[in-house]
């Protein structure tokens, strides 16, 4: 409706600012309400008001949206923004304010532009970008259309039914007053979980595209794949490799990017984090789902690595394809589930319910590559269930392109374990053994370093961190300035 909360006055003012640059464009305002007279008066103040049309109440917005090129919602507050979902489905380019549920409906900016509320200049600038550049408009319409089917009635109804079933199963018995423990996992009788795959990437679009292409062969397809990067150029070829992938532009840093992925997948049951150079065997996701259904007390799984290129010069996709093909006929492990201390960041899966319920997040004080962020998050989640390794196989290529420089990694090898001791997510003994092993390896091997490892840079970073420790300046975030 036409009420103050909707910010239609901001939209009209933005159109007045846009009008001299887009003389052929018209603004159509659908809906009715108490502010209509004031809004019509505001529109009439400028010559461009002749191109502003008030449609009144529209019983079915679909025909209007299908004739529109751009849909803008300038609300000051909006719990969801159903009209944005309808506009996406109709193929409009969309602009919304960064309030309430709008960012979620626009996939955190991947499906549409987000502007500050109450800022006609910012809205006008975004409208000008789309109305004066046909290629930008076409791209925006394509981005809005991607993944818009997740708002369809059937999918939403299935999600509500899942919630209702959980609520009914977890309701305390009326025959007892003893409190019951609420399970955050779907029951083993359920045959399907909503599984999302999340990939944080930076600077490796070709690697990402090949990894995504291989995910199309999974015997159990992901319900959603979300890729997060701070640079849209990293997504070149992503849609061609895996049509429908959700693209999220987020802040730089592995912990921050993974948190953005979690926010984009809250409606799923399980999030599977893969590195952008991890190649999963075809039954990987099927094995994750089977393990989670069979073991409701498990909150995190990590797979079985056939090889890890990070320990050597790196592996190629051809190497990974060959290894997976050779092992495809191997029988499953005799003990397919085994408790472990932490998940390995290149391939770890976790239930989203305990993450949401306990407000868990990757620690953004572990910047850039976020060394040991997987251990820290694992130990946070371990307070709420088991962490296990399962017979889900894959190969980590360990691609060297885009890796953190040796100096920065070396600093993190000392600063991050000590920081985790303070947090209580790593024991002093484990942290000291890890630091000692890395210091010794960097010192000894710097004399004759492997071609693929910057040992001298790492050793220099180690010593810089030790110096900061002695002077009281040690902080994981200092690595960003090195």
Protein backbone atom coordinates (compact mmCIF):
# COMPACT_ATOMS: atom_id res chain seq x y z
CA UNK A 1 0.00 0.00 0.00
CA UNK A 2 0.91 3.67 -0.33
CA UNK A 3 2.01 4.34 3.23
CA UNK A 4 5.04 6.08 4.67
CA UNK A 5 6.85 2.85 5.49
CA UNK A 6 7.06 1.99 1.78
CA UNK A 7 9.25 5.02 0.95
CA UNK A 8 7.39 5.82 -2.28
CA UNK A 9 8.24 9.50 -1.76
CA UNK A 10 11.93 8.56 -1.92
CA UNK A 11 11.29 6.68 -5.16
CA UNK A 12 9.48 9.65 -6.70
CA UNK A 13 12.27 12.03 -5.72
CA UNK A 14 14.81 9.61 -7.19
CA UNK A 15 12.83 9.52 -10.44
CA UNK A 16 12.83 13.32 -10.60
CA UNK A 17 16.64 13.22 -10.31
CA UNK A 18 16.84 10.50 -12.95
CA UNK A 19 14.44 12.08 -15.44
CA UNK A 20 16.87 14.41 -17.31
CA UNK A 21 19.15 11.44 -18.03
CA UNK A 22 16.39 8.99 -19.03
CA UNK A 23 13.80 10.98 -21.03
CA UNK A 24 12.03 7.88 -22.39
CA UNK A 25 11.47 6.14 -19.07
CA UNK A 26 8.24 6.16 -17.06
CA UNK A 27 7.49 5.34 -13.43
CA UNK A 28 4.38 3.29 -12.62
CA UNK A 29 3.25 3.24 -8.99
CA UNK A 30 0.98 0.31 -8.12
CA UNK A 31 -1.20 0.24 -5.02
CA UNK A 32 -3.39 2.56 -3.01
CA UNK A 33 -3.35 3.96 0.49
CA UNK A 34 -3.45 6.99 2.80
CA UNK A 35 -0.40 8.67 1.24
CA UNK A 36 -1.65 8.66 -2.34
CA UNK A 37 -2.79 12.29 -2.47
CA UNK A 38 0.48 13.56 -0.99
CA UNK A 39 2.51 11.39 -3.37
CA UNK A 40 0.57 12.61 -6.41
CA UNK A 41 1.25 16.19 -5.29
CA UNK A 42 4.96 15.39 -4.91
CA UNK A 43 5.04 13.90 -8.39
CA UNK A 44 3.34 16.96 -9.91
CA UNK A 45 5.95 19.41 -8.55
CA UNK A 46 8.35 18.62 -11.39
CA UNK A 47 7.91 18.44 -15.15
CA UNK A 48 8.92 14.79 -15.00
CA UNK A 49 5.72 14.15 -13.00
CA UNK A 50 3.97 13.71 -16.34
CA UNK A 51 5.86 10.42 -16.63
CA UNK A 52 4.75 9.17 -13.20
CA UNK A 53 1.57 7.10 -13.34
CA UNK A 54 -0.49 5.97 -10.34
CA UNK A 55 -2.22 2.68 -11.14
CA UNK A 56 -4.21 2.33 -7.92
CA UNK A 57 -5.04 -1.08 -6.49
CA UNK A 58 -3.82 -3.90 -8.75
CA UNK A 59 -5.47 -7.26 -8.06
CA UNK A 60 -2.88 -9.28 -9.99
CA UNK A 61 0.56 -7.65 -10.27
CA UNK A 62 2.00 -10.30 -12.59
CA UNK A 63 0.91 -8.68 -15.91
CA UNK A 64 2.29 -5.31 -14.77
CA UNK A 65 5.61 -6.82 -13.70
CA UNK A 66 5.98 -8.75 -16.97
CA UNK A 67 5.80 -5.45 -18.89
CA UNK A 68 8.30 -3.68 -16.61
CA UNK A 69 12.07 -3.56 -17.00
CA UNK A 70 12.97 -2.50 -13.45
CA UNK A 71 11.23 -2.94 -10.12
CA UNK A 72 12.25 -0.72 -7.18
CA UNK A 73 11.21 -1.04 -3.54
CA UNK A 74 12.34 1.91 -1.40
CA UNK A 75 10.90 0.76 1.93
CA UNK A 76 12.17 2.14 5.23
CA UNK A 77 11.21 -1.18 6.88
CA UNK A 78 10.22 -4.47 5.29
CA UNK A 79 9.95 -7.84 7.07
CA UNK A 80 10.18 -9.80 3.80
CA UNK A 81 9.36 -8.07 0.51
CA UNK A 82 7.08 -10.45 -1.36
CA UNK A 83 6.79 -8.00 -4.26
CA UNK A 84 10.55 -8.32 -4.84
CA UNK A 85 10.23 -12.09 -5.12
CA UNK A 86 7.37 -11.64 -7.60
CA UNK A 87 9.41 -9.13 -9.62
CA UNK A 88 12.39 -11.49 -9.73
CA UNK A 89 10.20 -14.32 -10.97
CA UNK A 90 8.73 -12.04 -13.65
CA UNK A 91 12.24 -11.19 -14.92
CA UNK A 92 12.57 -7.58 -13.76
CA UNK A 93 15.86 -6.04 -12.70
CA UNK A 94 15.36 -5.26 -9.03
CA UNK A 95 16.52 -2.59 -6.60
CA UNK A 96 15.70 -2.68 -2.90
CA UNK A 97 16.71 -0.93 0.28
CA UNK A 98 19.12 -2.62 2.65
CA UNK A 99 16.58 -3.16 5.43
CA UNK A 100 14.68 -6.03 7.06
CA UNK A 101 14.26 -9.11 4.92
CA UNK A 102 15.09 -7.42 1.60
CA UNK A 103 18.78 -8.46 1.49
CA UNK A 104 17.76 -12.10 1.97
CA UNK A 105 15.18 -11.91 -0.84
CA UNK A 106 17.88 -10.42 -3.09
CA UNK A 107 20.46 -13.08 -2.14
CA UNK A 108 22.48 -10.47 -0.24
CA UNK A 109 22.92 -8.33 -3.34
CA UNK A 110 23.64 -11.09 -5.85
CA UNK A 111 20.13 -10.95 -7.35
CA UNK A 112 19.56 -7.21 -7.17
CA UNK A 113 21.02 -3.89 -6.10
CA UNK A 114 20.82 -2.81 -2.46
CA UNK A 115 20.72 0.90 -1.58
CA UNK A 116 20.44 2.73 1.76
CA UNK A 117 16.90 3.60 2.90
CA UNK A 118 15.81 7.24 2.66
CA UNK A 119 18.53 8.12 0.12
CA UNK A 120 16.99 9.31 -3.18
CA UNK A 121 20.40 10.15 -4.64
CA UNK A 122 21.70 6.60 -4.17
CA UNK A 123 18.52 5.16 -5.65
CA UNK A 124 18.67 7.60 -8.59
CA UNK A 125 22.29 6.63 -9.27
CA UNK A 126 21.40 2.95 -9.44
CA UNK A 127 18.38 3.67 -11.66
CA UNK A 128 20.55 5.76 -13.96
CA UNK A 129 23.06 2.92 -14.24
CA UNK A 130 20.33 0.55 -15.42
CA UNK A 131 18.34 2.93 -17.64
CA UNK A 132 21.32 4.29 -19.56
CA UNK A 133 23.25 1.04 -20.10
CA UNK A 134 21.31 -1.70 -21.93
CA UNK A 135 23.96 -4.33 -21.19
CA UNK A 136 23.88 -3.54 -17.45
CA UNK A 137 20.08 -3.78 -17.51
CA UNK A 138 20.16 -7.13 -19.32
CA UNK A 139 22.70 -8.53 -16.88
CA UNK A 140 20.67 -7.28 -13.89
CA UNK A 141 17.53 -8.97 -15.22
CA UNK A 142 19.40 -12.24 -15.66
CA UNK A 143 20.83 -12.08 -12.13
CA UNK A 144 17.38 -11.41 -10.68
CA UNK A 145 15.87 -14.39 -12.48
CA UNK A 146 18.50 -16.87 -11.24
CA UNK A 147 17.33 -18.99 -8.31
CA UNK A 148 14.00 -17.16 -8.19
CA UNK A 149 12.21 -20.51 -8.14
CA UNK A 150 13.20 -20.95 -4.50
CA UNK A 151 10.25 -18.65 -3.69
CA UNK A 152 7.68 -20.85 -5.38
CA UNK A 153 4.70 -22.11 -3.41
CA UNK A 154 5.69 -25.78 -3.46
CA UNK A 155 9.18 -25.17 -2.06
CA UNK A 156 7.91 -22.87 0.70
CA UNK A 157 5.13 -25.31 1.59
CA UNK A 158 7.66 -28.15 1.91
CA UNK A 159 9.80 -26.05 4.25
CA UNK A 160 6.80 -25.18 6.43
CA UNK A 161 5.79 -28.84 6.60
CA UNK A 162 9.32 -29.73 7.72
CA UNK A 163 9.13 -27.14 10.51
CA UNK A 164 5.69 -28.32 11.61
CA UNK A 165 6.88 -31.94 11.70
CA UNK A 166 9.86 -30.95 13.87
CA UNK A 167 7.61 -28.98 16.22
CA UNK A 168 5.19 -31.90 16.62
CA UNK A 169 7.94 -34.46 17.22
CA UNK A 170 9.72 -32.27 19.77
CA UNK A 171 6.58 -31.33 21.75
CA UNK A 172 6.86 -32.57 25.37
CA UNK A 173 4.55 -35.42 26.30
CA UNK A 174 1.46 -34.28 28.29
CA UNK A 175 2.01 -37.31 30.59
CA UNK A 176 5.22 -35.98 32.09
CA UNK A 177 6.53 -32.73 33.50
CA UNK A 178 10.18 -33.71 33.05
CA UNK A 179 11.88 -31.33 30.60
CA UNK A 180 12.90 -32.98 27.34
CA UNK A 181 16.02 -32.28 25.34
CA UNK A 182 15.15 -30.67 22.02
CA UNK A 183 16.90 -32.24 19.05
CA UNK A 184 18.06 -29.81 16.38
CA UNK A 185 18.53 -32.57 13.81
CA UNK A 186 15.84 -33.96 11.50
CA UNK A 187 14.83 -37.51 12.45
CA UNK A 188 16.53 -40.55 10.97
CA UNK A 189 13.20 -41.54 9.41
CA UNK A 190 13.30 -38.52 7.14
CA UNK A 191 14.59 -39.39 3.69
CA UNK A 192 15.69 -35.96 2.56
CA UNK A 193 17.64 -33.02 3.92
CA UNK A 194 18.00 -29.65 2.27
CA UNK A 195 21.73 -29.55 1.49
CA UNK A 196 23.60 -26.44 0.35
CA UNK A 197 27.17 -26.35 -0.93
CA UNK A 198 29.17 -23.23 -0.07
CA UNK A 199 32.40 -22.18 -1.76
CA UNK A 200 34.46 -19.13 -0.79
CA UNK A 201 36.78 -18.08 -3.60
CA UNK A 202 39.17 -15.31 -4.61
CA UNK A 203 41.16 -14.76 -7.78
CA UNK A 204 40.71 -18.21 -9.37
CA UNK A 205 37.72 -18.11 -11.75
CA UNK A 206 38.98 -20.93 -13.98
CA UNK A 207 39.61 -23.22 -11.03
CA UNK A 208 36.18 -22.39 -9.60
CA UNK A 209 34.44 -23.09 -12.91
CA UNK A 210 36.03 -26.54 -13.21
CA UNK A 211 35.11 -27.39 -9.61
CA UNK A 212 31.51 -26.31 -10.19
CA UNK A 213 31.29 -28.30 -13.41
CA UNK A 214 32.30 -31.46 -11.54
CA UNK A 215 29.58 -30.89 -8.95
CA UNK A 216 26.99 -31.43 -11.69
CA UNK A 217 27.88 -35.15 -11.61
CA UNK A 218 26.88 -35.68 -7.96
CA UNK A 219 24.44 -38.59 -7.65
CA UNK A 220 22.62 -36.57 -5.00
CA UNK A 221 22.45 -33.01 -6.29
CA UNK A 222 22.80 -30.05 -3.91
CA UNK A 223 19.58 -28.16 -3.24
CA UNK A 224 21.59 -24.97 -3.58
CA UNK A 225 25.16 -23.98 -4.41
CA UNK A 226 26.38 -20.62 -3.09
CA UNK A 227 29.66 -19.03 -4.15
CA UNK A 228 30.97 -16.00 -2.26
CA UNK A 229 33.73 -13.69 -3.47
CA UNK A 230 34.63 -10.02 -2.92
CA UNK A 231 35.19 -9.56 -6.67
CA UNK A 232 32.50 -10.28 -9.26
CA UNK A 233 35.17 -11.05 -11.88
CA UNK A 234 35.91 -14.26 -9.96
CA UNK A 235 32.46 -15.52 -11.01
CA UNK A 236 33.22 -15.47 -14.72
CA UNK A 237 32.05 -18.78 -16.14
CA UNK A 238 30.32 -19.89 -12.91
CA UNK A 239 26.78 -19.91 -14.34
CA UNK A 240 27.90 -21.78 -17.43
CA UNK A 241 29.64 -24.39 -15.27
CA UNK A 242 26.71 -24.86 -12.87
CA UNK A 243 23.50 -23.12 -14.03
CA UNK A 244 21.57 -21.63 -11.13
CA UNK A 245 24.50 -21.18 -8.76
CA UNK A 246 23.81 -18.41 -6.23
CA UNK A 247 26.43 -15.66 -6.40
CA UNK A 248 27.14 -13.60 -3.28
CA UNK A 249 29.46 -10.60 -3.28
CA UNK A 250 30.88 -10.37 0.23
CA UNK A 251 33.76 -8.87 2.20
CA UNK A 252 37.24 -10.30 1.67
CA UNK A 253 38.50 -12.93 4.07
CA UNK A 254 37.71 -16.65 4.34
CA UNK A 255 35.89 -16.33 7.69
CA UNK A 256 33.80 -13.41 6.45
CA UNK A 257 32.95 -15.12 3.16
CA UNK A 258 31.90 -18.32 4.92
CA UNK A 259 29.70 -16.33 7.30
CA UNK A 260 28.04 -14.68 4.28
CA UNK A 261 27.38 -18.14 2.83
CA UNK A 262 25.79 -19.28 6.10
CA UNK A 263 23.49 -16.23 6.03
CA UNK A 264 22.46 -17.11 2.47
CA UNK A 265 21.60 -20.72 3.36
CA UNK A 266 19.69 -20.41 6.64
CA UNK A 267 16.67 -22.19 5.15
CA UNK A 268 18.69 -25.36 4.53
CA UNK A 269 19.43 -28.25 6.91
CA UNK A 270 23.10 -28.81 6.08
CA UNK A 271 25.85 -26.64 4.63
CA UNK A 272 28.77 -28.40 2.93
CA UNK A 273 31.84 -26.20 2.66
CA UNK A 274 34.22 -27.06 -0.19
CA UNK A 275 37.37 -25.21 -1.13
CA UNK A 276 37.27 -23.95 -4.71
CA UNK A 277 39.93 -26.56 -5.59
CA UNK A 278 38.33 -29.58 -3.92
CA UNK A 279 37.07 -32.33 -6.25
CA UNK A 280 34.42 -34.53 -4.64
CA UNK A 281 33.62 -38.10 -5.64
CA UNK A 282 30.18 -38.44 -7.24
CA UNK A 283 28.56 -39.88 -4.11
CA UNK A 284 30.02 -37.32 -1.66
CA UNK A 285 26.77 -35.44 -0.96
CA UNK A 286 24.78 -38.69 -0.85
CA UNK A 287 27.15 -39.99 1.84
CA UNK A 288 26.86 -36.74 3.84
CA UNK A 289 23.08 -36.99 3.79
CA UNK A 290 23.14 -40.67 4.78
CA UNK A 291 25.47 -40.00 7.71
CA UNK A 292 23.43 -37.04 8.98
CA UNK A 293 20.18 -39.00 8.78
CA UNK A 294 21.63 -42.07 10.46
CA UNK A 295 23.34 -40.14 13.28
CA UNK A 296 21.16 -37.28 14.60
CA UNK A 297 23.80 -36.45 17.25
CA UNK A 298 26.39 -35.60 14.57
CA UNK A 299 26.74 -31.86 13.94
CA UNK A 300 29.76 -31.91 11.60
CA UNK A 301 31.32 -34.35 9.16
CA UNK A 302 34.57 -34.24 7.26
CA UNK A 303 35.46 -36.46 4.32
CA UNK A 304 38.32 -38.79 3.45
CA UNK A 305 41.09 -37.24 1.36
CA UNK A 306 42.58 -39.46 -1.31
CA UNK A 307 45.38 -36.90 -1.75
CA UNK A 308 46.13 -33.37 -0.62
CA UNK A 309 48.07 -31.18 -3.02
CA UNK A 310 48.64 -28.57 -0.32
CA UNK A 311 51.40 -30.85 1.02
CA UNK A 312 53.29 -30.83 -2.27
CA UNK A 313 53.56 -28.98 -5.56
CA UNK A 314 49.83 -29.23 -6.13
CA UNK A 315 47.60 -31.49 -8.20
CA UNK A 316 45.72 -30.99 -11.44
CA UNK A 317 42.07 -31.69 -12.16
CA UNK A 318 43.24 -34.57 -14.37
CA UNK A 319 45.11 -36.03 -11.38
CA UNK A 320 41.97 -35.79 -9.25
CA UNK A 321 39.74 -37.33 -11.94
CA UNK A 322 42.17 -40.24 -12.31
CA UNK A 323 42.42 -40.91 -8.57
CA UNK A 324 38.68 -40.79 -8.08
CA UNK A 325 38.11 -43.09 -11.03
CA UNK A 326 40.64 -45.62 -9.69
CA UNK A 327 39.06 -45.63 -6.22
CA UNK A 328 35.45 -45.69 -7.40
CA UNK A 329 35.19 -49.47 -7.13
CA UNK A 330 36.80 -49.70 -3.69
CA UNK A 331 34.54 -51.14 -0.98
CA UNK A 332 33.32 -48.74 1.73
CA UNK A 333 35.30 -48.42 4.96
CA UNK A 334 34.60 -51.02 7.63
CA UNK A 335 34.07 -48.19 10.14
CA UNK A 336 32.43 -45.47 7.99
CA UNK A 337 31.97 -43.04 10.92
CA UNK A 338 34.77 -42.13 13.35
CA UNK A 339 34.96 -39.30 15.88
CA UNK A 340 37.59 -36.63 15.14
CA UNK A 341 38.79 -33.40 16.77
CA UNK A 342 37.86 -31.06 13.91
CA UNK A 343 36.69 -30.83 10.34
CA UNK A 344 39.17 -30.05 7.59
CA UNK A 345 38.25 -26.73 5.98
CA UNK A 346 38.55 -27.92 2.37
CA UNK A 347 35.61 -30.32 2.88
CA UNK A 348 33.41 -30.14 5.96
CA UNK A 349 29.65 -30.37 6.38
CA UNK A 350 27.60 -29.08 9.31
CA UNK A 351 24.03 -28.83 10.50
CA UNK A 352 22.67 -25.31 10.31
CA UNK A 353 20.13 -25.69 13.13
CA UNK A 354 22.67 -25.62 16.01
CA UNK A 355 24.64 -22.88 14.25
CA UNK A 356 21.51 -20.73 14.16
CA UNK A 357 20.25 -21.70 17.61
CA UNK A 358 23.57 -20.89 19.31
CA UNK A 359 24.51 -17.95 17.05
CA UNK A 360 27.79 -19.52 15.94
CA UNK A 361 29.99 -17.89 13.32
CA UNK A 362 33.47 -18.15 11.86
CA UNK A 363 35.76 -15.82 13.80
CA UNK A 364 36.43 -12.77 11.62
CA UNK A 365 39.40 -11.84 13.80
CA UNK A 366 41.19 -14.56 11.84
CA UNK A 367 41.67 -12.47 8.67
CA UNK A 368 42.52 -13.19 5.05
CA UNK A 369 43.07 -16.94 4.58
CA UNK A 370 41.82 -17.43 8.15
CA UNK A 371 44.38 -20.08 9.11
CA UNK A 372 42.87 -22.52 11.70
CA UNK A 373 39.38 -21.07 11.25
CA UNK A 374 38.18 -24.63 10.63
CA UNK A 375 39.57 -25.84 13.98
CA UNK A 376 38.09 -22.86 15.84
CA UNK A 377 34.63 -23.33 14.32
CA UNK A 378 34.74 -27.09 14.84
CA UNK A 379 35.44 -26.73 18.54
CA UNK A 380 32.61 -24.21 18.91
CA UNK A 381 30.21 -26.63 17.24
CA UNK A 382 31.57 -29.65 19.17
CA UNK A 383 29.84 -28.32 22.30
CA UNK A 384 26.53 -29.25 20.67
CA UNK A 385 27.21 -32.68 19.14
CA UNK A 386 29.71 -35.03 17.55
CA UNK A 387 32.28 -34.28 14.85
CA UNK A 388 33.04 -37.31 12.71
CA UNK A 389 34.92 -38.36 9.61
CA UNK A 390 32.86 -40.29 7.06
CA UNK A 391 33.54 -42.27 3.91
CA UNK A 392 32.94 -39.32 1.58
CA UNK A 393 35.97 -39.13 -0.66
CA UNK A 394 37.66 -36.34 -2.55
CA UNK A 395 40.91 -34.76 -3.67
CA UNK A 396 42.23 -31.37 -2.54
CA UNK A 397 44.27 -29.95 -5.41
CA UNK A 398 46.18 -27.42 -3.32
CA UNK A 399 46.34 -24.94 -6.22
CA UNK A 400 49.11 -22.43 -5.46
CA UNK A 401 47.56 -19.50 -7.34
CA UNK A 402 45.97 -16.97 -4.99
CA UNK A 403 47.53 -18.39 -1.82
CA UNK A 404 48.44 -16.18 1.14
CA UNK A 405 52.07 -14.90 0.92
CA UNK A 406 54.62 -16.74 3.04
CA UNK A 407 55.23 -13.78 5.37
CA UNK A 408 51.54 -13.48 6.24
CA UNK A 409 51.01 -17.22 6.68
CA UNK A 410 54.12 -17.45 8.86
CA UNK A 411 52.77 -14.72 11.15
CA UNK A 412 49.43 -16.53 11.40
CA UNK A 413 51.20 -19.81 12.24
CA UNK A 414 52.16 -18.24 15.57
CA UNK A 415 49.48 -15.61 16.20
CA UNK A 416 46.39 -17.72 15.45
CA UNK A 417 47.12 -20.72 17.73
CA UNK A 418 47.90 -18.39 20.64
CA UNK A 419 44.67 -16.49 19.98
CA UNK A 420 42.69 -19.76 20.00
CA UNK A 421 44.25 -20.73 23.33
CA UNK A 422 42.81 -17.52 24.76
CA UNK A 423 39.40 -18.32 23.28
CA UNK A 424 39.45 -21.84 24.65
CA UNK A 425 39.02 -23.51 21.24
CA UNK A 426 42.53 -25.02 21.17
CA UNK A 427 44.37 -26.61 24.04
CA UNK A 428 47.79 -25.14 24.97
CA UNK A 429 49.51 -28.46 24.30
CA UNK A 430 48.03 -28.84 20.81
CA UNK A 431 48.75 -25.20 19.93
CA UNK A 432 52.36 -25.30 21.15
CA UNK A 433 53.07 -28.54 19.28
CA UNK A 434 51.65 -27.02 16.09
CA UNK A 435 53.67 -23.81 16.43
CA UNK A 436 56.86 -25.71 17.27
CA UNK A 437 56.47 -28.05 14.31
CA UNK A 438 55.96 -25.16 11.89
CA UNK A 439 58.82 -23.07 13.30
CA UNK A 440 61.21 -26.02 13.05
CA UNK A 441 60.10 -26.95 9.51
CA UNK A 442 60.43 -23.38 8.27
CA UNK A 443 63.87 -22.91 9.88
CA UNK A 444 65.34 -26.18 8.59
CA UNK A 445 63.81 -26.19 5.12
CA UNK A 446 64.53 -22.51 4.44
CA UNK A 447 68.11 -23.65 3.78
CA UNK A 448 66.86 -25.68 0.81
CA UNK A 449 63.24 -24.74 0.32
CA UNK A 450 60.73 -26.60 -1.82
CA UNK A 451 60.03 -24.62 -5.03
CA UNK A 452 56.32 -24.35 -4.16
CA UNK A 453 56.75 -23.07 -0.58
CA UNK A 454 58.05 -19.65 0.51
CA UNK A 455 59.90 -21.03 3.54
CA UNK A 456 61.96 -17.91 4.14
CA UNK A 457 58.85 -15.76 4.04
CA UNK A 458 57.12 -18.08 6.50
CA UNK A 459 60.13 -18.09 8.84
CA UNK A 460 60.28 -14.30 8.70
CA UNK A 461 56.59 -14.18 9.58
CA UNK A 462 57.14 -16.63 12.46
CA UNK A 463 59.90 -14.45 13.89
CA UNK A 464 57.86 -11.26 13.43
CA UNK A 465 55.03 -12.83 15.44
CA UNK A 466 57.40 -13.98 18.19
CA UNK A 467 58.78 -10.42 18.41
CA UNK A 468 55.24 -9.03 18.67
CA UNK A 469 54.46 -11.59 21.38
CA UNK A 470 57.44 -10.44 23.44
CA UNK A 471 56.48 -6.78 23.06
CA UNK A 472 52.77 -7.35 23.76
CA UNK A 473 51.60 -6.45 20.25
CA UNK A 474 50.66 -9.90 18.95
CA UNK A 475 47.26 -9.88 17.24
CA UNK A 476 45.97 -12.07 14.36
CA UNK A 477 44.72 -8.94 12.59
CA UNK A 478 48.22 -7.47 12.31
CA UNK A 479 48.82 -9.89 9.43
CA UNK A 480 46.68 -7.67 7.18
CA UNK A 481 49.29 -4.89 7.41
CA UNK A 482 52.33 -7.02 6.63
